[in-house]
Amino acid sequence: MSANAPEHRIGHDVDRVDQVSSVLLLGVAVVGAALTVAINAVLV
């Protein structure tokens, strides 16, 4: 489906269709921060 097609825009927002959701990005950031702290604690 083309991005210019009217059906593409009806009832869809950016978070659900065109990009990764904000909740998923937040989860990745939290997990990455936790892993960084854990690895740093093991190495130091």
C-alpha atoms as a PDB file:
ATOM      1  CA  MET A   1       0.000   0.000   0.000  1.00  0.00           C
ATOM      2  CA  SER A   2       1.297   3.405  -0.919  1.00  0.00           C
ATOM      3  CA  ALA A   3       1.936   5.955   1.803  1.00  0.00           C
ATOM      4  CA  ASN A   4      -0.115   8.414  -0.247  1.00  0.00           C
ATOM      5  CA  ALA A   5      -3.157   6.150  -0.402  1.00  0.00           C
ATOM      6  CA  PRO A   6      -6.072   7.477   1.688  1.00  0.00           C
ATOM      7  CA  GLU A   7      -6.500   4.091   3.412  1.00  0.00           C
ATOM      8  CA  HIS A   8      -2.992   4.425   4.804  1.00  0.00           C
ATOM      9  CA  ARG A   9      -3.920   7.456   6.865  1.00  0.00           C
ATOM     10  CA  ILE A  10      -7.389   6.601   8.121  1.00  0.00           C
ATOM     11  CA  GLY A  11      -7.325   5.418  11.726  1.00  0.00           C
ATOM     12  CA  HIS A  12      -3.577   4.917  11.904  1.00  0.00           C
ATOM     13  CA  ASP A  13      -1.082   6.960  13.840  1.00  0.00           C
ATOM     14  CA  VAL A  14       2.689   7.066  13.535  1.00  0.00           C
ATOM     15  CA  ASP A  15       3.303   4.966  16.653  1.00  0.00           C
ATOM     16  CA  ARG A  16       1.271   2.019  15.373  1.00  0.00           C
ATOM     17  CA  VAL A  17       2.098   1.986  11.663  1.00  0.00           C
ATOM     18  CA  ASP A  18       5.196   3.754  10.423  1.00  0.00           C
ATOM     19  CA  GLN A  19       7.706   3.533  13.248  1.00  0.00           C
ATOM     20  CA  VAL A  20       8.694   1.501  16.264  1.00  0.00           C
ATOM     21  CA  SER A  21       6.437   2.335  19.197  1.00  0.00           C
ATOM     22  CA  SER A  22       7.620   4.640  21.955  1.00  0.00           C
ATOM     23  CA  VAL A  23       6.946   1.958  24.578  1.00  0.00           C
ATOM     24  CA  LEU A  24       9.271  -0.484  22.809  1.00  0.00           C
ATOM     25  CA  LEU A  25      12.009   2.135  22.503  1.00  0.00           C
ATOM     26  CA  LEU A  26      11.668   2.946  26.205  1.00  0.00           C
ATOM     27  CA  GLY A  27      11.964  -0.744  27.049  1.00  0.00           C
ATOM     28  CA  VAL A  28      15.106  -1.101  24.934  1.00  0.00           C
ATOM     29  CA  ALA A  29      16.630   1.931  26.666  1.00  0.00           C
ATOM     30  CA  VAL A  30      15.840   0.599  30.151  1.00  0.00           C
ATOM     31  CA  VAL A  31      17.210  -2.865  29.384  1.00  0.00           C
ATOM     32  CA  GLY A  32      20.341  -1.365  27.836  1.00  0.00           C
ATOM     33  CA  ALA A  33      20.936   0.835  30.878  1.00  0.00           C
ATOM     34  CA  ALA A  34      20.463  -2.113  33.242  1.00  0.00           C
ATOM     35  CA  LEU A  35      22.893  -4.247  31.233  1.00  0.00           C
ATOM     36  CA  THR A  36      25.445  -1.448  31.223  1.00  0.00           C
ATOM     37  CA  VAL A  37      25.265  -1.112  34.998  1.00  0.00           C
ATOM     38  CA  ALA A  38      25.481  -4.896  35.491  1.00  0.00           C
ATOM     39  CA  ILE A  39      28.461  -5.319  33.164  1.00  0.00           C
ATOM     40  CA  ASN A  40      30.208  -2.363  34.769  1.00  0.00           C
ATOM     41  CA  ALA A  41      29.672  -3.890  38.230  1.00  0.00           C
ATOM     42  CA  VAL A  42      31.183  -7.199  37.093  1.00  0.00           C
ATOM     43  CA  LEU A  43      34.227  -5.646  35.445  1.00  0.00           C
ATOM     44  CA  VAL A  44      35.118  -3.090  38.096  1.00  0.00           C
END
